[in-house]
Amino acid sequence: MQSLMQQLITWLGWGDGIGAIAGISAILTVLAILAPVIVGLLLYGLERLQVEIIGAVNRDFAYFFVNFVTFPGTFVHEMAHMCFAVITGAEVHEICMFENESGRIGHISYQVRGPWFIQAVQHSLTAVAPTVVGLGLGYLLLHLIFTSEFTLWENIGLWYLVVSLIDHSTMSDSDLEHYFQGVWIFIVPLFLFFFILGMLA
């Protein structure tokens, strides 16, 4: 990270003073906050691409495939919400894995608790959980696929899980609302983290 910070400062030509380090730290802070949203949009794009490709044959089946056949992704999505909610201290009231109401496939209902800054953490981390967990599991699955020997059917099963994660690792509109409701609490800590790294570089 230190070398990356120094490379950015050199690349931008801002010098090596405190102002340059602060500027780079601010940019990296914004990127860190927006990264899950950007990744989610990319995954959403892959999901829409699936719909278009399968939809060329049958549109109804395309939506059925993305929404229901890839159910393991829905399970991971909702369980990620639940785990991060519990870990951060929120109270989970309800978790539903399988529904088809108002365009939703599943949902979780939780109540934030504690001081305002803890509530902000609960909102943001619970909202971003499916993207973080989905990417982590997806990386592990792809690493397993490309570094190990499997039979044809095992490979098909593993790729099915990867596709399921792609289809359900994005943040819903509600997730995005909760994410931006609380993610501001991380702005100062992230900025200080990058700034200190820059000073040490």
Protein backbone atom coordinates (compact mmCIF):
# COMPACT_ATOMS: atom_id res chain seq x y z
CA MET A 1 0.00 0.00 0.00
CA GLN A 2 2.86 2.35 0.80
CA SER A 3 4.46 1.89 -2.60
CA LEU A 4 1.06 2.37 -4.27
CA MET A 5 0.56 5.65 -2.39
CA GLN A 6 4.01 6.88 -3.45
CA GLN A 7 3.36 5.83 -7.05
CA LEU A 8 0.10 7.77 -7.10
CA ILE A 9 1.75 10.89 -5.70
CA THR A 10 4.54 10.64 -8.28
CA TRP A 11 2.11 9.89 -11.13
CA LEU A 12 -0.09 12.88 -10.35
CA GLY A 13 2.95 15.12 -9.97
CA TRP A 14 1.62 16.78 -6.84
CA GLY A 15 4.99 16.73 -5.08
CA ASP A 16 5.61 14.94 -1.81
CA GLY A 17 4.27 17.46 0.70
CA ILE A 18 1.47 17.08 3.19
CA GLY A 19 -1.00 18.67 0.76
CA ALA A 20 -0.25 16.06 -1.90
CA ILE A 21 -0.61 13.21 0.58
CA ALA A 22 -3.88 14.68 1.87
CA GLY A 23 -5.20 15.00 -1.70
CA ILE A 24 -4.34 11.41 -2.57
CA SER A 25 -5.80 10.23 0.74
CA ALA A 26 -9.08 12.02 -0.06
CA ILE A 27 -9.24 10.39 -3.50
CA LEU A 28 -8.53 6.93 -2.09
CA THR A 29 -11.16 7.46 0.61
CA VAL A 30 -13.81 8.28 -1.98
CA LEU A 31 -12.75 5.28 -4.09
CA ALA A 32 -12.87 2.95 -1.08
CA ILE A 33 -16.39 4.10 -0.22
CA LEU A 34 -17.64 3.85 -3.81
CA ALA A 35 -15.83 0.56 -4.61
CA PRO A 36 -18.64 -1.76 -3.41
CA VAL A 37 -21.18 0.26 -5.37
CA ILE A 38 -19.06 0.14 -8.53
CA VAL A 39 -18.44 -3.60 -8.13
CA GLY A 40 -22.15 -4.11 -7.53
CA LEU A 41 -22.97 -2.25 -10.74
CA LEU A 42 -20.50 -4.40 -12.68
CA LEU A 43 -22.07 -7.57 -11.28
CA TYR A 44 -25.51 -6.19 -12.09
CA GLY A 45 -24.28 -5.65 -15.65
CA LEU A 46 -23.21 -9.31 -15.85
CA GLU A 47 -26.61 -10.36 -14.55
CA ARG A 48 -28.38 -8.24 -17.19
CA LEU A 49 -26.09 -9.73 -19.85
CA GLN A 50 -27.25 -13.19 -18.76
CA VAL A 51 -30.86 -12.09 -19.09
CA GLU A 52 -30.22 -10.77 -22.61
CA ILE A 53 -28.38 -13.91 -23.75
CA ILE A 54 -30.91 -16.38 -22.29
CA GLY A 55 -33.76 -14.03 -23.19
CA ALA A 56 -32.84 -14.34 -26.85
CA VAL A 57 -34.32 -17.83 -26.57
CA ASN A 58 -37.02 -17.25 -23.97
CA ARG A 59 -37.45 -14.05 -21.93
CA ASP A 60 -39.60 -15.61 -19.22
CA PHE A 61 -37.12 -18.41 -18.65
CA ALA A 62 -34.29 -15.85 -18.49
CA TYR A 63 -35.90 -14.11 -15.51
CA PHE A 64 -36.85 -17.45 -13.95
CA PHE A 65 -33.22 -18.59 -14.23
CA VAL A 66 -31.72 -15.42 -12.77
CA ASN A 67 -34.27 -15.09 -9.99
CA PHE A 68 -35.02 -18.68 -8.96
CA VAL A 69 -32.65 -21.24 -10.51
CA THR A 70 -29.72 -19.39 -8.94
CA PHE A 71 -31.29 -19.66 -5.46
CA PRO A 72 -27.93 -20.42 -3.70
CA GLY A 73 -26.96 -16.83 -4.47
CA THR A 74 -30.13 -15.56 -2.77
CA PHE A 75 -29.31 -17.70 0.28
CA VAL A 76 -25.77 -16.26 0.49
CA HIS A 77 -27.13 -12.72 -0.04
CA GLU A 78 -29.64 -12.88 2.83
CA MET A 79 -27.33 -14.83 5.16
CA ALA A 80 -24.61 -12.23 4.59
CA HIS A 81 -27.06 -9.49 5.59
CA MET A 82 -28.05 -11.46 8.69
CA CYS A 83 -24.50 -12.29 9.79
CA PHE A 84 -23.21 -8.74 9.43
CA ALA A 85 -26.30 -7.37 11.18
CA VAL A 86 -25.78 -9.71 14.15
CA ILE A 87 -22.01 -9.14 14.27
CA THR A 88 -22.44 -5.35 14.37
CA GLY A 89 -25.12 -5.54 17.06
CA ALA A 90 -28.34 -4.99 15.11
CA GLU A 91 -31.45 -6.96 16.02
CA VAL A 92 -32.73 -9.22 13.23
CA HIS A 93 -36.53 -9.50 13.20
CA GLU A 94 -37.16 -11.54 10.06
CA ILE A 95 -35.29 -13.26 7.27
CA CYS A 96 -37.00 -14.59 4.15
CA MET A 97 -35.15 -16.62 1.55
CA PHE A 98 -37.78 -17.19 -1.06
CA GLU A 99 -40.51 -14.82 -2.19
CA ASN A 100 -41.57 -12.96 -5.30
CA GLU A 101 -43.12 -9.75 -4.04
CA SER A 102 -42.54 -6.32 -5.58
CA GLY A 103 -39.61 -7.70 -7.56
CA ARG A 104 -37.86 -8.97 -4.42
CA ILE A 105 -36.56 -12.53 -4.21
CA GLY A 106 -35.80 -12.47 -0.47
CA HIS A 107 -35.45 -9.95 2.31
CA ILE A 108 -34.22 -9.33 5.82
CA SER A 109 -35.77 -7.09 8.44
CA TYR A 110 -33.53 -5.68 11.18
CA GLN A 111 -33.45 -2.88 13.74
CA VAL A 112 -30.30 -0.86 14.42
CA ARG A 113 -29.37 -0.38 18.07
CA GLY A 114 -26.92 1.56 20.20
CA PRO A 115 -25.32 5.00 19.81
CA TRP A 116 -25.71 6.87 16.50
CA PHE A 117 -22.21 5.97 15.28
CA ILE A 118 -22.80 2.26 15.96
CA GLN A 119 -26.11 2.48 14.10
CA ALA A 120 -24.28 4.01 11.12
CA VAL A 121 -21.84 1.08 11.14
CA GLN A 122 -24.72 -1.39 11.36
CA HIS A 123 -26.52 0.20 8.41
CA SER A 124 -23.49 0.38 6.13
CA LEU A 125 -21.89 -3.00 6.87
CA THR A 126 -25.20 -4.90 6.83
CA ALA A 127 -26.06 -3.30 3.48
CA VAL A 128 -22.70 -4.02 1.82
CA ALA A 129 -22.42 -7.58 3.21
CA PRO A 130 -23.75 -9.45 0.14
CA THR A 131 -21.20 -7.80 -2.15
CA VAL A 132 -18.28 -8.41 0.21
CA VAL A 133 -19.24 -12.01 1.00
CA GLY A 134 -20.23 -12.76 -2.60
CA LEU A 135 -16.92 -11.50 -3.96
CA GLY A 136 -14.96 -13.39 -1.31
CA LEU A 137 -16.73 -16.68 -1.97
CA GLY A 138 -16.60 -16.11 -5.72
CA TYR A 139 -12.84 -15.59 -5.57
CA LEU A 140 -12.39 -18.78 -3.54
CA LEU A 141 -14.54 -20.78 -5.95
CA LEU A 142 -12.71 -19.47 -9.02
CA HIS A 143 -9.36 -20.17 -7.38
CA LEU A 144 -10.54 -23.71 -6.65
CA ILE A 145 -11.81 -24.20 -10.21
CA PHE A 146 -8.59 -23.03 -11.86
CA THR A 147 -6.13 -24.71 -9.50
CA SER A 148 -7.73 -28.13 -8.93
CA GLU A 149 -8.84 -31.09 -10.98
CA PHE A 150 -12.57 -31.83 -11.08
CA THR A 151 -14.89 -34.03 -13.08
CA LEU A 152 -17.19 -32.47 -15.66
CA TRP A 153 -20.18 -32.53 -13.32
CA GLU A 154 -18.17 -31.09 -10.43
CA ASN A 155 -17.04 -28.25 -12.68
CA ILE A 156 -20.60 -27.62 -13.79
CA GLY A 157 -21.70 -27.50 -10.14
CA LEU A 158 -18.92 -25.08 -9.16
CA TRP A 159 -19.62 -22.77 -12.11
CA TYR A 160 -23.31 -22.87 -11.22
CA LEU A 161 -22.40 -21.57 -7.76
CA VAL A 162 -20.22 -18.83 -9.29
CA VAL A 163 -23.07 -17.70 -11.56
CA SER A 164 -25.46 -17.78 -8.59
CA LEU A 165 -23.13 -15.50 -6.63
CA ILE A 166 -22.80 -13.11 -9.58
CA ASP A 167 -26.58 -12.85 -9.86
CA HIS A 168 -27.14 -12.06 -6.19
CA SER A 169 -24.04 -10.23 -4.89
CA THR A 170 -25.29 -6.79 -5.89
CA MET A 171 -26.92 -4.36 -3.46
CA SER A 172 -30.63 -3.70 -3.91
CA ASP A 173 -32.02 -0.16 -3.94
CA SER A 174 -32.84 -0.59 -0.25
CA ASP A 175 -29.30 -1.84 0.43
CA LEU A 176 -27.81 1.19 -1.33
CA GLU A 177 -30.03 3.52 0.68
CA HIS A 178 -28.88 1.95 3.97
CA TYR A 179 -25.25 1.86 2.81
CA PHE A 180 -25.11 5.59 2.11
CA GLN A 181 -27.13 6.23 5.26
CA GLY A 182 -24.23 4.96 7.35
CA VAL A 183 -21.03 4.78 5.30
CA TRP A 184 -20.14 8.41 6.05
CA ILE A 185 -18.98 7.21 9.49
CA PHE A 186 -15.94 5.65 7.78
CA ILE A 187 -14.80 8.78 5.90
CA VAL A 188 -12.50 10.18 8.60
CA PRO A 189 -10.99 6.81 9.67
CA LEU A 190 -10.30 5.87 6.03
CA PHE A 191 -8.79 9.27 5.29
CA LEU A 192 -6.51 9.04 8.34
CA PHE A 193 -5.53 5.49 7.40
CA PHE A 194 -4.46 6.52 3.89
CA PHE A 195 -2.86 9.75 5.15
CA ILE A 196 -0.71 7.93 7.72
CA LEU A 197 0.36 5.40 5.07
CA GLY A 198 1.30 8.28 2.82
CA MET A 199 3.35 9.94 5.53
CA LEU A 200 5.16 6.67 6.20
CA ALA A 201 5.80 5.97 2.50
